[in-house]
C-alpha atoms as a PDB file:
ATOM      1  CA  UNK A   1     -43.553 -10.601 -37.271  1.00  0.00           C
ATOM      2  CA  UNK A   2     -45.776 -13.543 -36.884  1.00  0.00           C
ATOM      3  CA  UNK A   3     -44.785 -16.671 -34.980  1.00  0.00           C
ATOM      4  CA  UNK A   4     -44.633 -18.756 -38.286  1.00  0.00           C
ATOM      5  CA  UNK A   5     -42.382 -16.241 -39.721  1.00  0.00           C
ATOM      6  CA  UNK A   6     -40.055 -16.431 -36.802  1.00  0.00           C
ATOM      7  CA  UNK A   7     -40.265 -20.428 -36.549  1.00  0.00           C
ATOM      8  CA  UNK A   8     -39.306 -20.416 -40.381  1.00  0.00           C
ATOM      9  CA  UNK A   9     -36.318 -17.831 -39.792  1.00  0.00           C
ATOM     10  CA  UNK A  10     -35.425 -20.090 -36.673  1.00  0.00           C
ATOM     11  CA  UNK A  11     -35.161 -23.307 -38.768  1.00  0.00           C
ATOM     12  CA  UNK A  12     -32.799 -21.779 -41.576  1.00  0.00           C
ATOM     13  CA  UNK A  13     -30.634 -20.634 -38.719  1.00  0.00           C
ATOM     14  CA  UNK A  14     -30.752 -24.257 -37.086  1.00  0.00           C
ATOM     15  CA  UNK A  15     -29.807 -25.500 -40.555  1.00  0.00           C
ATOM     16  CA  UNK A  16     -26.809 -23.152 -40.831  1.00  0.00           C
ATOM     17  CA  UNK A  17     -25.480 -24.145 -37.275  1.00  0.00           C
ATOM     18  CA  UNK A  18     -26.123 -27.933 -37.553  1.00  0.00           C
ATOM     19  CA  UNK A  19     -25.335 -28.932 -41.400  1.00  0.00           C
ATOM     20  CA  UNK A  20     -27.331 -31.703 -42.158  1.00  0.00           C
ATOM     21  CA  UNK A  21     -29.670 -31.562 -39.551  1.00  0.00           C
ATOM     22  CA  UNK A  22     -33.428 -33.064 -39.856  1.00  0.00           C
ATOM     23  CA  UNK A  23     -36.127 -30.639 -38.317  1.00  0.00           C
ATOM     24  CA  UNK A  24     -39.522 -31.722 -37.905  1.00  0.00           C
ATOM     25  CA  UNK A  25     -42.489 -29.878 -37.055  1.00  0.00           C
ATOM     26  CA  UNK A  26     -44.553 -31.653 -34.550  1.00  0.00           C
ATOM     27  CA  UNK A  27     -48.436 -32.187 -34.435  1.00  0.00           C
ATOM     28  CA  UNK A  28     -50.009 -30.550 -31.309  1.00  0.00           C
ATOM     29  CA  UNK A  29     -53.058 -31.871 -32.247  1.00  0.00           C
ATOM     30  CA  UNK A  30     -51.652 -35.252 -31.823  1.00  0.00           C
ATOM     31  CA  UNK A  31     -50.147 -34.579 -28.449  1.00  0.00           C
ATOM     32  CA  UNK A  32     -51.410 -31.304 -26.790  1.00  0.00           C
ATOM     33  CA  UNK A  33     -48.400 -29.399 -25.578  1.00  0.00           C
ATOM     34  CA  UNK A  34     -45.675 -31.263 -27.464  1.00  0.00           C
ATOM     35  CA  UNK A  35     -43.007 -28.639 -28.481  1.00  0.00           C
ATOM     36  CA  UNK A  36     -43.056 -27.340 -31.910  1.00  0.00           C
ATOM     37  CA  UNK A  37     -39.903 -28.463 -33.441  1.00  0.00           C
ATOM     38  CA  UNK A  38     -37.875 -31.705 -33.139  1.00  0.00           C
ATOM     39  CA  UNK A  39     -34.164 -31.261 -34.236  1.00  0.00           C
ATOM     40  CA  UNK A  40     -32.037 -34.456 -34.758  1.00  0.00           C
ATOM     41  CA  UNK A  41     -28.437 -34.225 -35.555  1.00  0.00           C
ATOM     42  CA  UNK A  42     -26.224 -37.108 -35.636  1.00  0.00           C
ATOM     43  CA  UNK A  43     -26.501 -38.927 -32.274  1.00  0.00           C
ATOM     44  CA  UNK A  44     -28.188 -35.940 -30.615  1.00  0.00           C
ATOM     45  CA  UNK A  45     -31.710 -34.590 -30.706  1.00  0.00           C
ATOM     46  CA  UNK A  46     -33.791 -31.520 -28.964  1.00  0.00           C
ATOM     47  CA  UNK A  47     -37.125 -30.015 -29.109  1.00  0.00           C
ATOM     48  CA  UNK A  48     -37.916 -26.279 -29.172  1.00  0.00           C
ATOM     49  CA  UNK A  49     -41.127 -24.732 -28.330  1.00  0.00           C
ATOM     50  CA  UNK A  50     -41.370 -21.406 -30.215  1.00  0.00           C
ATOM     51  CA  UNK A  51     -42.881 -18.183 -28.797  1.00  0.00           C
ATOM     52  CA  UNK A  52     -42.877 -14.866 -30.274  1.00  0.00           C
ATOM     53  CA  UNK A  53     -41.928 -13.257 -27.201  1.00  0.00           C
ATOM     54  CA  UNK A  54     -41.074 -14.268 -23.468  1.00  0.00           C
ATOM     55  CA  UNK A  55     -44.692 -13.473 -22.252  1.00  0.00           C
ATOM     56  CA  UNK A  56     -46.469 -15.251 -24.848  1.00  0.00           C
ATOM     57  CA  UNK A  57     -49.159 -17.682 -23.400  1.00  0.00           C
ATOM     58  CA  UNK A  58     -48.279 -21.195 -22.676  1.00  0.00           C
ATOM     59  CA  UNK A  59     -50.522 -23.954 -23.617  1.00  0.00           C
ATOM     60  CA  UNK A  60     -51.187 -26.837 -21.151  1.00  0.00           C
ATOM     61  CA  UNK A  61     -48.805 -29.189 -20.897  1.00  0.00           C
ATOM     62  CA  UNK A  62     -45.960 -27.459 -22.751  1.00  0.00           C
ATOM     63  CA  UNK A  63     -44.023 -26.780 -19.515  1.00  0.00           C
ATOM     64  CA  UNK A  64     -44.495 -30.427 -18.624  1.00  0.00           C
ATOM     65  CA  UNK A  65     -43.091 -31.699 -21.903  1.00  0.00           C
ATOM     66  CA  UNK A  66     -40.334 -29.134 -22.229  1.00  0.00           C
ATOM     67  CA  UNK A  67     -38.995 -30.046 -18.837  1.00  0.00           C
ATOM     68  CA  UNK A  68     -39.394 -33.749 -19.271  1.00  0.00           C
ATOM     69  CA  UNK A  69     -37.474 -33.723 -23.120  1.00  0.00           C
ATOM     70  CA  UNK A  70     -34.992 -31.414 -21.436  1.00  0.00           C
ATOM     71  CA  UNK A  71     -34.190 -34.159 -18.872  1.00  0.00           C
ATOM     72  CA  UNK A  72     -33.844 -36.548 -21.592  1.00  0.00           C
ATOM     73  CA  UNK A  73     -31.627 -34.634 -23.978  1.00  0.00           C
ATOM     74  CA  UNK A  74     -32.364 -30.954 -24.675  1.00  0.00           C
ATOM     75  CA  UNK A  75     -35.514 -28.813 -24.685  1.00  0.00           C
ATOM     76  CA  UNK A  76     -36.208 -25.106 -24.449  1.00  0.00           C
ATOM     77  CA  UNK A  77     -38.716 -22.312 -24.821  1.00  0.00           C
ATOM     78  CA  UNK A  78     -37.364 -20.071 -27.778  1.00  0.00           C
ATOM     79  CA  UNK A  79     -38.047 -16.542 -28.588  1.00  0.00           C
ATOM     80  CA  UNK A  80     -36.393 -13.772 -30.299  1.00  0.00           C
ATOM     81  CA  UNK A  81     -35.075 -12.229 -27.013  1.00  0.00           C
ATOM     82  CA  UNK A  82     -33.589 -15.489 -25.701  1.00  0.00           C
ATOM     83  CA  UNK A  83     -32.643 -17.172 -28.955  1.00  0.00           C
ATOM     84  CA  UNK A  84     -28.924 -16.534 -28.649  1.00  0.00           C
ATOM     85  CA  UNK A  85     -28.856 -17.586 -25.203  1.00  0.00           C
ATOM     86  CA  UNK A  86     -30.706 -20.960 -26.042  1.00  0.00           C
ATOM     87  CA  UNK A  87     -28.900 -21.488 -29.264  1.00  0.00           C
ATOM     88  CA  UNK A  88     -25.618 -21.256 -27.414  1.00  0.00           C
ATOM     89  CA  UNK A  89     -26.906 -23.917 -24.730  1.00  0.00           C
ATOM     90  CA  UNK A  90     -27.994 -26.187 -27.540  1.00  0.00           C
ATOM     91  CA  UNK A  91     -24.444 -25.881 -29.111  1.00  0.00           C
ATOM     92  CA  UNK A  92     -22.916 -26.725 -25.858  1.00  0.00           C
ATOM     93  CA  UNK A  93     -25.494 -29.744 -25.088  1.00  0.00           C
ATOM     94  CA  UNK A  94     -24.731 -31.039 -28.702  1.00  0.00           C
ATOM     95  CA  UNK A  95     -20.855 -30.700 -28.036  1.00  0.00           C
ATOM     96  CA  UNK A  96     -20.877 -33.282 -25.306  1.00  0.00           C
END
């Protein structure tokens, strides 16, 4: 599976978990290192950096932006291996 295919599958899953949410794909050429996806759901927001596996390389500034945005709301690196854990944490964050 390619990262793009995984990202598409993940977007469909997020739309099922958070009905009515808005998911935007971010432009890394505008801000280098910005997470791939922004999810808006009522008064909540989150960003997700999609990787194909846990050992996938990280671009400069990705760690910085994921950490910064997690301090603001919710942000995480997500891949098939940690998807369940990240989605549970996201649901918990949006429940508060």
